[in-house]
Amino acid sequence: MPPWFEPIENEDQLIVDGGALSLLPIEPALTMGATEIIALDLSGAPSRSRLPRRLNQLNKAVSSFVQHETYLELALAEAKGVPVHYMQLQSTPPIQMWDFSTYQKLIGIGYDTASQHMSNW
């Protein structure tokens, strides 16, 4: 994920985390012909952290951009008549995206959330 991790070069191509372009890539799925989409949103809401004030402001601005992009992706699928099963996966309290120390807890939260949503489909 730029700027923290450099792209990987492979056979004259630069490979980056897909989240660099879209955190909820519904449009590429539609382009590839998807007729139903399961969308797992890991972005969550901006957390109140102990970061300096300017970094908190940046965090809120990025979160606003991500929420707007998600809205547009979902609206595009709706306009094309493609159902989207949207799930926002979050932990309480929120965990910073670079904190991998609780990955097992997060996987459990994701499993439970997905199971609940799927039972309503």
PDB file of N, CA and C in Angstrom:
ATOM      1  N   MET A   1       0.850  -1.168   0.000  1.00  0.00           N
ATOM      2  CA  MET A   1       0.000   0.000   0.000  1.00  0.00           C
ATOM      3  C   MET A   1       0.898   1.234   0.000  1.00  0.00           C
ATOM      4  N   PRO A   2       0.918   1.969  -1.090  1.00  0.00           N
ATOM      5  CA  PRO A   2       1.737   3.183  -1.116  1.00  0.00           C
ATOM      6  C   PRO A   2       1.260   4.163  -0.050  1.00  0.00           C
ATOM      7  N   PRO A   3       2.077   4.904   0.575  1.00  0.00           N
ATOM      8  CA  PRO A   3       3.521   5.010   0.399  1.00  0.00           C
ATOM      9  C   PRO A   3       4.326   4.092   1.316  1.00  0.00           C
ATOM     10  N   TRP A   4       3.666   3.227   2.102  1.00  0.00           N
ATOM     11  CA  TRP A   4       4.395   2.416   3.065  1.00  0.00           C
ATOM     12  C   TRP A   4       5.134   1.254   2.434  1.00  0.00           C
ATOM     13  N   PHE A   5       4.576   0.672   1.396  1.00  0.00           N
ATOM     14  CA  PHE A   5       5.225  -0.448   0.725  1.00  0.00           C
ATOM     15  C   PHE A   5       5.417  -0.098  -0.738  1.00  0.00           C
ATOM     16  N   GLU A   6       6.620  -0.291  -1.221  1.00  0.00           N
ATOM     17  CA  GLU A   6       6.897  -0.008  -2.623  1.00  0.00           C
ATOM     18  C   GLU A   6       6.219  -1.037  -3.517  1.00  0.00           C
ATOM     19  N   PRO A   7       5.859  -0.634  -4.740  1.00  0.00           N
ATOM     20  CA  PRO A   7       5.312  -1.609  -5.689  1.00  0.00           C
ATOM     21  C   PRO A   7       6.336  -2.704  -5.974  1.00  0.00           C
ATOM     22  N   ILE A   8       5.837  -3.874  -6.315  1.00  0.00           N
ATOM     23  CA  ILE A   8       6.702  -4.994  -6.686  1.00  0.00           C
ATOM     24  C   ILE A   8       6.779  -5.016  -8.207  1.00  0.00           C
ATOM     25  N   GLU A   9       7.984  -5.130  -8.728  1.00  0.00           N
ATOM     26  CA  GLU A   9       8.147  -5.197 -10.179  1.00  0.00           C
ATOM     27  C   GLU A   9       8.200  -6.661 -10.592  1.00  0.00           C
ATOM     28  N   ASN A  10       7.358  -7.008 -11.586  1.00  0.00           N
ATOM     29  CA  ASN A  10       7.290  -8.379 -12.064  1.00  0.00           C
ATOM     30  C   ASN A  10       7.079  -8.362 -13.572  1.00  0.00           C
ATOM     31  N   GLU A  11       8.077  -8.803 -14.316  1.00  0.00           N
ATOM     32  CA  GLU A  11       7.987  -8.875 -15.771  1.00  0.00           C
ATOM     33  C   GLU A  11       7.471  -7.568 -16.383  1.00  0.00           C
ATOM     34  N   ASP A  12       8.159  -6.479 -16.124  1.00  0.00           N
ATOM     35  CA  ASP A  12       7.835  -5.156 -16.667  1.00  0.00           C
ATOM     36  C   ASP A  12       6.491  -4.610 -16.202  1.00  0.00           C
ATOM     37  N   GLN A  13       5.953  -5.131 -15.114  1.00  0.00           N
ATOM     38  CA  GLN A  13       4.722  -4.607 -14.534  1.00  0.00           C
ATOM     39  C   GLN A  13       4.989  -4.218 -13.092  1.00  0.00           C
ATOM     40  N   LEU A  14       4.316  -3.148 -12.637  1.00  0.00           N
ATOM     41  CA  LEU A  14       4.373  -2.771 -11.232  1.00  0.00           C
ATOM     42  C   LEU A  14       3.089  -3.255 -10.573  1.00  0.00           C
ATOM     43  N   ILE A  15       3.238  -3.982  -9.478  1.00  0.00           N
ATOM     44  CA  ILE A  15       2.100  -4.557  -8.780  1.00  0.00           C
ATOM     45  C   ILE A  15       1.967  -3.847  -7.433  1.00  0.00           C
ATOM     46  N   VAL A  16       0.750  -3.328  -7.148  1.00  0.00           N
ATOM     47  CA  VAL A  16       0.476  -2.652  -5.875  1.00  0.00           C
ATOM     48  C   VAL A  16      -0.791  -3.245  -5.262  1.00  0.00           C
ATOM     49  N   ASP A  17      -0.974  -2.986  -3.992  1.00  0.00           N
ATOM     50  CA  ASP A  17      -2.188  -3.400  -3.297  1.00  0.00           C
ATOM     51  C   ASP A  17      -3.386  -2.780  -4.004  1.00  0.00           C
ATOM     52  N   GLY A  18      -4.410  -3.573  -4.275  1.00  0.00           N
ATOM     53  CA  GLY A  18      -5.598  -3.069  -4.950  1.00  0.00           C
ATOM     54  C   GLY A  18      -6.283  -1.948  -4.197  1.00  0.00           C
ATOM     55  N   GLY A  19      -6.095  -1.885  -2.881  1.00  0.00           N
ATOM     56  CA  GLY A  19      -6.668  -0.816  -2.082  1.00  0.00           C
ATOM     57  C   GLY A  19      -6.107   0.547  -2.432  1.00  0.00           C
ATOM     58  N   ALA A  20      -5.009   0.583  -3.162  1.00  0.00           N
ATOM     59  CA  ALA A  20      -4.451   1.867  -3.591  1.00  0.00           C
ATOM     60  C   ALA A  20      -5.375   2.538  -4.596  1.00  0.00           C
ATOM     61  N   LEU A  21      -6.158   1.746  -5.322  1.00  0.00           N
ATOM     62  CA  LEU A  21      -7.075   2.298  -6.318  1.00  0.00           C
ATOM     63  C   LEU A  21      -8.517   2.300  -5.838  1.00  0.00           C
ATOM     64  N   SER A  22      -8.907   1.274  -5.109  1.00  0.00           N
ATOM     65  CA  SER A  22     -10.292   1.197  -4.642  1.00  0.00           C
ATOM     66  C   SER A  22     -10.365   0.233  -3.470  1.00  0.00           C
ATOM     67  N   LEU A  23     -10.949   0.700  -2.364  1.00  0.00           N
ATOM     68  CA  LEU A  23     -11.088  -0.170  -1.205  1.00  0.00           C
ATOM     69  C   LEU A  23     -12.293  -1.096  -1.311  1.00  0.00           C
ATOM     70  N   LEU A  24     -13.215  -0.774  -2.198  1.00  0.00           N
ATOM     71  CA  LEU A  24     -14.385  -1.620  -2.419  1.00  0.00           C
ATOM     72  C   LEU A  24     -14.594  -1.710  -3.929  1.00  0.00           C
ATOM     73  N   PRO A  25     -13.819  -2.575  -4.610  1.00  0.00           N
ATOM     74  CA  PRO A  25     -13.775  -2.588  -6.084  1.00  0.00           C
ATOM     75  C   PRO A  25     -14.988  -3.231  -6.756  1.00  0.00           C
ATOM     76  N   ILE A  26     -16.131  -2.587  -6.645  1.00  0.00           N
ATOM     77  CA  ILE A  26     -17.346  -3.084  -7.273  1.00  0.00           C
ATOM     78  C   ILE A  26     -17.292  -2.870  -8.781  1.00  0.00           C
ATOM     79  N   GLU A  27     -16.804  -1.717  -9.210  1.00  0.00           N
ATOM     80  CA  GLU A  27     -16.764  -1.406 -10.654  1.00  0.00           C
ATOM     81  C   GLU A  27     -15.969  -2.439 -11.443  1.00  0.00           C
ATOM     82  N   PRO A  28     -14.782  -2.863 -10.997  1.00  0.00           N
ATOM     83  CA  PRO A  28     -14.085  -3.914 -11.755  1.00  0.00           C
ATOM     84  C   PRO A  28     -14.875  -5.218 -11.815  1.00  0.00           C
ATOM     85  N   ALA A  29     -15.591  -5.562 -10.743  1.00  0.00           N
ATOM     86  CA  ALA A  29     -16.411  -6.778 -10.760  1.00  0.00           C
ATOM     87  C   ALA A  29     -17.525  -6.656 -11.791  1.00  0.00           C
ATOM     88  N   LEU A  30     -18.133  -5.468 -11.884  1.00  0.00           N
ATOM     89  CA  LEU A  30     -19.178  -5.246 -12.885  1.00  0.00           C
ATOM     90  C   LEU A  30     -18.601  -5.343 -14.294  1.00  0.00           C
ATOM     91  N   THR A  31     -17.422  -4.777 -14.486  1.00  0.00           N
ATOM     92  CA  THR A  31     -16.762  -4.818 -15.795  1.00  0.00           C
ATOM     93  C   THR A  31     -16.477  -6.252 -16.228  1.00  0.00           C
ATOM     94  N   MET A  32     -16.188  -7.111 -15.252  1.00  0.00           N
ATOM     95  CA  MET A  32     -15.892  -8.509 -15.555  1.00  0.00           C
ATOM     96  C   MET A  32     -17.162  -9.354 -15.687  1.00  0.00           C
ATOM     97  N   GLY A  33     -18.354  -8.714 -15.550  1.00  0.00           N
ATOM     98  CA  GLY A  33     -19.604  -9.423 -15.784  1.00  0.00           C
ATOM     99  C   GLY A  33     -20.303  -9.971 -14.556  1.00  0.00           C
ATOM    100  N   ALA A  34     -19.942  -9.501 -13.366  1.00  0.00           N
ATOM    101  CA  ALA A  34     -20.596 -10.005 -12.156  1.00  0.00           C
ATOM    102  C   ALA A  34     -22.096  -9.755 -12.211  1.00  0.00           C
ATOM    103  N   THR A  35     -22.859 -10.740 -11.766  1.00  0.00           N
ATOM    104  CA  THR A  35     -24.314 -10.598 -11.717  1.00  0.00           C
ATOM    105  C   THR A  35     -24.811 -10.489 -10.277  1.00  0.00           C
ATOM    106  N   GLU A  36     -23.938 -10.712  -9.324  1.00  0.00           N
ATOM    107  CA  GLU A  36     -24.225 -10.559  -7.900  1.00  0.00           C
ATOM    108  C   GLU A  36     -22.881 -10.379  -7.209  1.00  0.00           C
ATOM    109  N   ILE A  37     -22.819  -9.484  -6.227  1.00  0.00           N
ATOM    110  CA  ILE A  37     -21.537  -9.149  -5.611  1.00  0.00           C
ATOM    111  C   ILE A  37     -21.646  -9.241  -4.096  1.00  0.00           C
ATOM    112  N   ILE A  38     -20.645  -9.843  -3.485  1.00  0.00           N
ATOM    113  CA  ILE A  38     -20.483  -9.822  -2.032  1.00  0.00           C
ATOM    114  C   ILE A  38     -19.346  -8.847  -1.756  1.00  0.00           C
ATOM    115  N   ALA A  39     -19.674  -7.724  -1.104  1.00  0.00           N
ATOM    116  CA  ALA A  39     -18.700  -6.652  -0.878  1.00  0.00           C
ATOM    117  C   ALA A  39     -18.364  -6.570   0.607  1.00  0.00           C
ATOM    118  N   LEU A  40     -17.115  -6.827   0.934  1.00  0.00           N
ATOM    119  CA  LEU A  40     -16.634  -6.760   2.307  1.00  0.00           C
ATOM    120  C   LEU A  40     -15.860  -5.457   2.493  1.00  0.00           C
ATOM    121  N   ASP A  41     -16.418  -4.543   3.249  1.00  0.00           N
ATOM    122  CA  ASP A  41     -15.814  -3.233   3.470  1.00  0.00           C
ATOM    123  C   ASP A  41     -15.014  -3.273   4.762  1.00  0.00           C
ATOM    124  N   LEU A  42     -13.709  -3.149   4.641  1.00  0.00           N
ATOM    125  CA  LEU A  42     -12.823  -3.183   5.805  1.00  0.00           C
ATOM    126  C   LEU A  42     -12.412  -1.798   6.263  1.00  0.00           C
ATOM    127  N   SER A  43     -12.895  -0.758   5.564  1.00  0.00           N
ATOM    128  CA  SER A  43     -12.397   0.590   5.842  1.00  0.00           C
ATOM    129  C   SER A  43     -12.840   1.115   7.194  1.00  0.00           C
ATOM    130  N   GLY A  44     -14.064   0.854   7.626  1.00  0.00           N
ATOM    131  CA  GLY A  44     -14.537   1.319   8.923  1.00  0.00           C
ATOM    132  C   GLY A  44     -14.633   2.831   9.017  1.00  0.00           C
ATOM    133  N   ALA A  45     -15.017   3.300  10.167  1.00  0.00           N
ATOM    134  CA  ALA A  45     -15.137   4.742  10.411  1.00  0.00           C
ATOM    135  C   ALA A  45     -13.810   5.258  10.950  1.00  0.00           C
ATOM    136  N   PRO A  46     -13.553   6.556  10.771  1.00  0.00           N
ATOM    137  CA  PRO A  46     -12.300   7.083  11.319  1.00  0.00           C
ATOM    138  C   PRO A  46     -12.308   6.962  12.836  1.00  0.00           C
ATOM    139  N   SER A  47     -11.215   6.508  13.379  1.00  0.00           N
ATOM    140  CA  SER A  47     -11.161   6.324  14.824  1.00  0.00           C
ATOM    141  C   SER A  47     -10.564   7.555  15.491  1.00  0.00           C
ATOM    142  N   ARG A  48     -11.015   7.799  16.699  1.00  0.00           N
ATOM    143  CA  ARG A  48     -10.404   8.866  17.489  1.00  0.00           C
ATOM    144  C   ARG A  48      -9.155   8.256  18.110  1.00  0.00           C
ATOM    145  N   SER A  49      -8.032   8.741  17.684  1.00  0.00           N
ATOM    146  CA  SER A  49      -6.791   8.158  18.182  1.00  0.00           C
ATOM    147  C   SER A  49      -5.967   9.235  18.862  1.00  0.00           C
ATOM    148  N   ARG A  50      -4.825   8.839  19.315  1.00  0.00           N
ATOM    149  CA  ARG A  50      -3.928   9.766  20.000  1.00  0.00           C
ATOM    150  C   ARG A  50      -2.924  10.374  19.040  1.00  0.00           C
ATOM    151  N   LEU A  51      -3.278  10.404  17.782  1.00  0.00           N
ATOM    152  CA  LEU A  51      -2.409  11.029  16.792  1.00  0.00           C
ATOM    153  C   LEU A  51      -2.438  12.542  16.974  1.00  0.00           C
ATOM    154  N   PRO A  52      -1.399  13.229  16.520  1.00  0.00           N
ATOM    155  CA  PRO A  52      -1.434  14.689  16.555  1.00  0.00           C
ATOM    156  C   PRO A  52      -2.634  15.214  15.770  1.00  0.00           C
ATOM    157  N   ARG A  53      -3.106  16.398  16.120  1.00  0.00           N
ATOM    158  CA  ARG A  53      -4.325  16.976  15.544  1.00  0.00           C
ATOM    159  C   ARG A  53      -4.311  16.958  14.016  1.00  0.00           C
ATOM    160  N   ARG A  54      -3.204  17.357  13.400  1.00  0.00           N
ATOM    161  CA  ARG A  54      -3.139  17.403  11.928  1.00  0.00           C
ATOM    162  C   ARG A  54      -3.307  16.015  11.312  1.00  0.00           C
ATOM    163  N   LEU A  55      -2.749  14.988  11.935  1.00  0.00           N
ATOM    164  CA  LEU A  55      -2.912  13.635  11.411  1.00  0.00           C
ATOM    165  C   LEU A  55      -4.344  13.150  11.592  1.00  0.00           C
ATOM    166  N   ASN A  56      -4.987  13.547  12.679  1.00  0.00           N
ATOM    167  CA  ASN A  56      -6.392  13.197  12.856  1.00  0.00           C
ATOM    168  C   ASN A  56      -7.253  13.852  11.786  1.00  0.00           C
ATOM    169  N   GLN A  57      -6.933  15.097  11.428  1.00  0.00           N
ATOM    170  CA  GLN A  57      -7.668  15.784  10.366  1.00  0.00           C
ATOM    171  C   GLN A  57      -7.465  15.058   9.035  1.00  0.00           C
ATOM    172  N   LEU A  58      -6.244  14.625   8.758  1.00  0.00           N
ATOM    173  CA  LEU A  58      -5.959  13.876   7.539  1.00  0.00           C
ATOM    174  C   LEU A  58      -6.719  12.553   7.539  1.00  0.00           C
ATOM    175  N   ASN A  59      -6.759  11.882   8.679  1.00  0.00           N
ATOM    176  CA  ASN A  59      -7.487  10.622   8.813  1.00  0.00           C
ATOM    177  C   ASN A  59      -8.968  10.829   8.488  1.00  0.00           C
ATOM    178  N   LYS A  60      -9.558  11.914   8.975  1.00  0.00           N
ATOM    179  CA  LYS A  60     -10.968  12.208   8.699  1.00  0.00           C
ATOM    180  C   LYS A  60     -11.185  12.514   7.219  1.00  0.00           C
ATOM    181  N   ALA A  61     -10.250  13.231   6.610  1.00  0.00           N
ATOM    182  CA  ALA A  61     -10.383  13.572   5.186  1.00  0.00           C
ATOM    183  C   ALA A  61     -10.315  12.314   4.328  1.00  0.00           C
ATOM    184  N   VAL A  62      -9.378  11.439   4.622  1.00  0.00           N
ATOM    185  CA  VAL A  62      -9.255  10.187   3.864  1.00  0.00           C
ATOM    186  C   VAL A  62     -10.504   9.340   4.062  1.00  0.00           C
ATOM    187  N   SER A  63     -11.013   9.279   5.284  1.00  0.00           N
ATOM    188  CA  SER A  63     -12.222   8.511   5.555  1.00  0.00           C
ATOM    189  C   SER A  63     -13.407   9.055   4.761  1.00  0.00           C
ATOM    190  N   SER A  64     -13.515  10.365   4.667  1.00  0.00           N
ATOM    191  CA  SER A  64     -14.590  10.983   3.899  1.00  0.00           C
ATOM    192  C   SER A  64     -14.494  10.596   2.427  1.00  0.00           C
ATOM    193  N   PHE A  65     -13.295  10.599   1.884  1.00  0.00           N
ATOM    194  CA  PHE A  65     -13.074  10.201   0.493  1.00  0.00           C
ATOM    195  C   PHE A  65     -13.478   8.740   0.286  1.00  0.00           C
ATOM    196  N   VAL A  66     -13.075   7.876   1.200  1.00  0.00           N
ATOM    197  CA  VAL A  66     -13.382   6.447   1.094  1.00  0.00           C
ATOM    198  C   VAL A  66     -14.895   6.218   1.166  1.00  0.00           C
ATOM    199  N   GLN A  67     -15.588   6.914   2.071  1.00  0.00           N
ATOM    200  CA  GLN A  67     -17.039   6.764   2.184  1.00  0.00           C
ATOM    201  C   GLN A  67     -17.731   7.212   0.895  1.00  0.00           C
ATOM    202  N   HIS A  68     -17.248   8.298   0.300  1.00  0.00           N
ATOM    203  CA  HIS A  68     -17.831   8.787  -0.947  1.00  0.00           C
ATOM    204  C   HIS A  68     -17.605   7.777  -2.081  1.00  0.00           C
ATOM    205  N   GLU A  69     -16.405   7.238  -2.149  1.00  0.00           N
ATOM    206  CA  GLU A  69     -16.097   6.234  -3.176  1.00  0.00           C
ATOM    207  C   GLU A  69     -16.995   5.003  -3.008  1.00  0.00           C
ATOM    208  N   THR A  70     -17.201   4.571  -1.778  1.00  0.00           N
ATOM    209  CA  THR A  70     -18.066   3.420  -1.508  1.00  0.00           C
ATOM    210  C   THR A  70     -19.487   3.709  -1.976  1.00  0.00           C
ATOM    211  N   TYR A  71     -19.986   4.899  -1.668  1.00  0.00           N
ATOM    212  CA  TYR A  71     -21.329   5.300  -2.112  1.00  0.00           C
ATOM    213  C   TYR A  71     -21.434   5.222  -3.634  1.00  0.00           C
ATOM    214  N   LEU A  72     -20.420   5.742  -4.335  1.00  0.00           N
ATOM    215  CA  LEU A  72     -20.448   5.730  -5.801  1.00  0.00           C
ATOM    216  C   LEU A  72     -20.398   4.306  -6.356  1.00  0.00           C
ATOM    217  N   GLU A  73     -19.586   3.454  -5.769  1.00  0.00           N
ATOM    218  CA  GLU A  73     -19.486   2.062  -6.226  1.00  0.00           C
ATOM    219  C   GLU A  73     -20.833   1.345  -6.046  1.00  0.00           C
ATOM    220  N   LEU A  74     -21.465   1.538  -4.882  1.00  0.00           N
ATOM    221  CA  LEU A  74     -22.761   0.905  -4.625  1.00  0.00           C
ATOM    222  C   LEU A  74     -23.839   1.462  -5.558  1.00  0.00           C
ATOM    223  N   ALA A  75     -23.803   2.769  -5.815  1.00  0.00           N
ATOM    224  CA  ALA A  75     -24.784   3.392  -6.717  1.00  0.00           C
ATOM    225  C   ALA A  75     -24.620   2.873  -8.142  1.00  0.00           C
ATOM    226  N   LEU A  76     -23.387   2.637  -8.558  1.00  0.00           N
ATOM    227  CA  LEU A  76     -23.137   2.104  -9.901  1.00  0.00           C
ATOM    228  C   LEU A  76     -23.755   0.716 -10.047  1.00  0.00           C
ATOM    229  N   ALA A  77     -23.552  -0.132  -9.052  1.00  0.00           N
ATOM    230  CA  ALA A  77     -24.134  -1.483  -9.107  1.00  0.00           C
ATOM    231  C   ALA A  77     -25.654  -1.404  -9.132  1.00  0.00           C
ATOM    232  N   GLU A  78     -26.223  -0.522  -8.329  1.00  0.00           N
ATOM    233  CA  GLU A  78     -27.684  -0.372  -8.313  1.00  0.00           C
ATOM    234  C   GLU A  78     -28.192   0.090  -9.676  1.00  0.00           C
ATOM    235  N   ALA A  79     -27.489   1.047 -10.289  1.00  0.00           N
ATOM    236  CA  ALA A  79     -27.897   1.551 -11.603  1.00  0.00           C
ATOM    237  C   ALA A  79     -27.844   0.457 -12.664  1.00  0.00           C
ATOM    238  N   LYS A  80     -26.940  -0.501 -12.500  1.00  0.00           N
ATOM    239  CA  LYS A  80     -26.814  -1.596 -13.462  1.00  0.00           C
ATOM    240  C   LYS A  80     -27.691  -2.790 -13.085  1.00  0.00           C
ATOM    241  N   GLY A  81     -28.428  -2.682 -11.974  1.00  0.00           N
ATOM    242  CA  GLY A  81     -29.330  -3.750 -11.559  1.00  0.00           C
ATOM    243  C   GLY A  81     -28.632  -4.962 -10.986  1.00  0.00           C
ATOM    244  N   VAL A  82     -27.420  -4.776 -10.485  1.00  0.00           N
ATOM    245  CA  VAL A  82     -26.664  -5.898  -9.911  1.00  0.00           C
ATOM    246  C   VAL A  82     -26.766  -5.826  -8.385  1.00  0.00           C
ATOM    247  N   PRO A  83     -27.321  -6.864  -7.759  1.00  0.00           N
ATOM    248  CA  PRO A  83     -27.434  -6.838  -6.296  1.00  0.00           C
ATOM    249  C   PRO A  83     -26.065  -6.935  -5.631  1.00  0.00           C
ATOM    250  N   VAL A  84     -25.907  -6.156  -4.558  1.00  0.00           N
ATOM    251  CA  VAL A  84     -24.669  -6.164  -3.784  1.00  0.00           C
ATOM    252  C   VAL A  84     -25.018  -6.513  -2.339  1.00  0.00           C
ATOM    253  N   HIS A  85     -24.375  -7.546  -1.835  1.00  0.00           N
ATOM    254  CA  HIS A  85     -24.485  -7.903  -0.419  1.00  0.00           C
ATOM    255  C   HIS A  85     -23.323  -7.195   0.274  1.00  0.00           C
ATOM    256  N   TYR A  86     -23.628  -6.067   0.886  1.00  0.00           N
ATOM    257  CA  TYR A  86     -22.606  -5.192   1.474  1.00  0.00           C
ATOM    258  C   TYR A  86     -22.462  -5.475   2.963  1.00  0.00           C
ATOM    259  N   MET A  87     -21.230  -5.714   3.387  1.00  0.00           N
ATOM    260  CA  MET A  87     -20.945  -5.941   4.800  1.00  0.00           C
ATOM    261  C   MET A  87     -19.788  -5.053   5.218  1.00  0.00           C
ATOM    262  N   GLN A  88     -20.017  -4.263   6.259  1.00  0.00           N
ATOM    263  CA  GLN A  88     -18.934  -3.462   6.809  1.00  0.00           C
ATOM    264  C   GLN A  88     -18.372  -4.221   8.006  1.00  0.00           C
ATOM    265  N   LEU A  89     -17.125  -4.586   7.915  1.00  0.00           N
ATOM    266  CA  LEU A  89     -16.479  -5.365   8.965  1.00  0.00           C
ATOM    267  C   LEU A  89     -15.651  -4.424   9.840  1.00  0.00           C
ATOM    268  N   GLN A  90     -16.018  -4.342  11.121  1.00  0.00           N
ATOM    269  CA  GLN A  90     -15.326  -3.459  12.058  1.00  0.00           C
ATOM    270  C   GLN A  90     -15.128  -4.163  13.384  1.00  0.00           C
ATOM    271  N   SER A  91     -14.165  -3.670  14.114  1.00  0.00           N
ATOM    272  CA  SER A  91     -13.973  -4.156  15.474  1.00  0.00           C
ATOM    273  C   SER A  91     -14.279  -3.016  16.436  1.00  0.00           C
ATOM    274  N   THR A  92     -14.589  -3.383  17.664  1.00  0.00           N
ATOM    275  CA  THR A  92     -14.815  -2.389  18.701  1.00  0.00           C
ATOM    276  C   THR A  92     -13.905  -2.722  19.861  1.00  0.00           C
ATOM    277  N   PRO A  93     -13.000  -1.843  20.210  1.00  0.00           N
ATOM    278  CA  PRO A  93     -12.715  -0.549  19.592  1.00  0.00           C
ATOM    279  C   PRO A  93     -12.017  -0.735  18.244  1.00  0.00           C
ATOM    280  N   PRO A  94     -12.024   0.326  17.425  1.00  0.00           N
ATOM    281  CA  PRO A  94     -11.370   0.238  16.112  1.00  0.00           C
ATOM    282  C   PRO A  94      -9.879  -0.050  16.250  1.00  0.00           C
ATOM    283  N   ILE A  95      -9.357  -0.754  15.257  1.00  0.00           N
ATOM    284  CA  ILE A  95      -7.932  -1.094  15.226  1.00  0.00           C
ATOM    285  C   ILE A  95      -7.310  -0.403  14.020  1.00  0.00           C
ATOM    286  N   GLN A  96      -6.153   0.174  14.211  1.00  0.00           N
ATOM    287  CA  GLN A  96      -5.472   0.848  13.105  1.00  0.00           C
ATOM    288  C   GLN A  96      -5.115  -0.165  12.023  1.00  0.00           C
ATOM    289  N   MET A  97      -5.163   0.259  10.760  1.00  0.00           N
ATOM    290  CA  MET A  97      -4.966  -0.656   9.644  1.00  0.00           C
ATOM    291  C   MET A  97      -3.583  -1.291   9.605  1.00  0.00           C
ATOM    292  N   TRP A  98      -2.621  -0.707  10.270  1.00  0.00           N
ATOM    293  CA  TRP A  98      -1.262  -1.256  10.258  1.00  0.00           C
ATOM    294  C   TRP A  98      -1.001  -2.170  11.465  1.00  0.00           C
ATOM    295  N   ASP A  99      -1.990  -2.358  12.319  1.00  0.00           N
ATOM    296  CA  ASP A  99      -1.831  -3.188  13.512  1.00  0.00           C
ATOM    297  C   ASP A  99      -2.282  -4.616  13.200  1.00  0.00           C
ATOM    298  N   PHE A 100      -1.331  -5.515  13.042  1.00  0.00           N
ATOM    299  CA  PHE A 100      -1.640  -6.907  12.718  1.00  0.00           C
ATOM    300  C   PHE A 100      -1.593  -7.811  13.949  1.00  0.00           C
ATOM    301  N   SER A 101      -1.453  -7.224  15.136  1.00  0.00           N
ATOM    302  CA  SER A 101      -1.283  -8.034  16.345  1.00  0.00           C
ATOM    303  C   SER A 101      -2.555  -8.774  16.751  1.00  0.00           C
ATOM    304  N   THR A 102      -3.706  -8.328  16.280  1.00  0.00           N
ATOM    305  CA  THR A 102      -4.961  -8.972  16.674  1.00  0.00           C
ATOM    306  C   THR A 102      -5.674  -9.599  15.476  1.00  0.00           C
ATOM    307  N   TYR A 103      -4.915 -10.046  14.493  1.00  0.00           N
ATOM    308  CA  TYR A 103      -5.517 -10.559  13.267  1.00  0.00           C
ATOM    309  C   TYR A 103      -6.478 -11.720  13.527  1.00  0.00           C
ATOM    310  N   GLN A 104      -6.175 -12.583  14.489  1.00  0.00           N
ATOM    311  CA  GLN A 104      -7.061 -13.715  14.751  1.00  0.00           C
ATOM    312  C   GLN A 104      -8.421 -13.241  15.263  1.00  0.00           C
ATOM    313  N   LYS A 105      -8.433 -12.219  16.113  1.00  0.00           N
ATOM    314  CA  LYS A 105      -9.691 -11.645  16.603  1.00  0.00           C
ATOM    315  C   LYS A 105     -10.469 -11.044  15.425  1.00  0.00           C
ATOM    316  N   LEU A 106      -9.784 -10.347  14.540  1.00  0.00           N
ATOM    317  CA  LEU A 106     -10.443  -9.712  13.398  1.00  0.00           C
ATOM    318  C   LEU A 106     -11.034 -10.748  12.450  1.00  0.00           C
ATOM    319  N   ILE A 107     -10.337 -11.844  12.237  1.00  0.00           N
ATOM    320  CA  ILE A 107     -10.869 -12.914  11.389  1.00  0.00           C
ATOM    321  C   ILE A 107     -12.146 -13.475  12.016  1.00  0.00           C
ATOM    322  N   GLY A 108     -12.153 -13.641  13.328  1.00  0.00           N
ATOM    323  CA  GLY A 108     -13.347 -14.111  14.020  1.00  0.00           C
ATOM    324  C   GLY A 108     -14.515 -13.144  13.880  1.00  0.00           C
ATOM    325  N   ILE A 109     -14.240 -11.849  14.018  1.00  0.00           N
ATOM    326  CA  ILE A 109     -15.281 -10.828  13.843  1.00  0.00           C
ATOM    327  C   ILE A 109     -15.828 -10.884  12.418  1.00  0.00           C
ATOM    328  N   GLY A 110     -14.940 -11.010  11.447  1.00  0.00           N
ATOM    329  CA  GLY A 110     -15.360 -11.097  10.047  1.00  0.00           C
ATOM    330  C   GLY A 110     -16.222 -12.318   9.792  1.00  0.00           C
ATOM    331  N   TYR A 111     -15.838 -13.441  10.353  1.00  0.00           N
ATOM    332  CA  TYR A 111     -16.609 -14.679  10.185  1.00  0.00           C
ATOM    333  C   TYR A 111     -18.004 -14.528  10.786  1.00  0.00           C
ATOM    334  N   ASP A 112     -18.066 -14.009  12.005  1.00  0.00           N
ATOM    335  CA  ASP A 112     -19.364 -13.843  12.674  1.00  0.00           C
ATOM    336  C   ASP A 112     -20.262 -12.864  11.911  1.00  0.00           C
ATOM    337  N   THR A 113     -19.691 -11.748  11.467  1.00  0.00           N
ATOM    338  CA  THR A 113     -20.466 -10.741  10.730  1.00  0.00           C
ATOM    339  C   THR A 113     -20.990 -11.329   9.426  1.00  0.00           C
ATOM    340  N   ALA A 114     -20.130 -12.012   8.690  1.00  0.00           N
ATOM    341  CA  ALA A 114     -20.541 -12.608   7.410  1.00  0.00           C
ATOM    342  C   ALA A 114     -21.612 -13.670   7.637  1.00  0.00           C
ATOM    343  N   SER A 115     -21.463 -14.478   8.663  1.00  0.00           N
ATOM    344  CA  SER A 115     -22.460 -15.518   8.960  1.00  0.00           C
ATOM    345  C   SER A 115     -23.820 -14.906   9.251  1.00  0.00           C
ATOM    346  N   GLN A 116     -23.851 -13.823  10.026  1.00  0.00           N
ATOM    347  CA  GLN A 116     -25.114 -13.148  10.329  1.00  0.00           C
ATOM    348  C   GLN A 116     -25.757 -12.608   9.069  1.00  0.00           C
ATOM    349  N   HIS A 117     -24.968 -11.926   8.221  1.00  0.00           N
ATOM    350  CA  HIS A 117     -25.501 -11.369   6.993  1.00  0.00           C
ATOM    351  C   HIS A 117     -26.025 -12.473   6.060  1.00  0.00           C
ATOM    352  N   MET A 118     -25.263 -13.531   5.932  1.00  0.00           N
ATOM    353  CA  MET A 118     -25.632 -14.600   5.006  1.00  0.00           C
ATOM    354  C   MET A 118     -26.909 -15.307   5.439  1.00  0.00           C
ATOM    355  N   SER A 119     -27.168 -15.355   6.724  1.00  0.00           N
ATOM    356  CA  SER A 119     -28.388 -16.016   7.175  1.00  0.00           C
ATOM    357  C   SER A 119     -29.638 -15.229   6.767  1.00  0.00           C
ATOM    358  N   ASN A 120     -29.470 -13.947   6.438  1.00  0.00           N
ATOM    359  CA  ASN A 120     -30.600 -13.104   6.012  1.00  0.00           C
ATOM    360  C   ASN A 120     -30.779 -13.072   4.491  1.00  0.00           C
ATOM    361  N   TRP A 121     -29.910 -13.725   3.740  1.00  0.00           N
ATOM    362  CA  TRP A 121     -30.000 -13.651   2.274  1.00  0.00           C
ATOM    363  C   TRP A 121     -31.083 -14.553   1.761  1.00  0.00           C
TER     364      TRP A 121
END
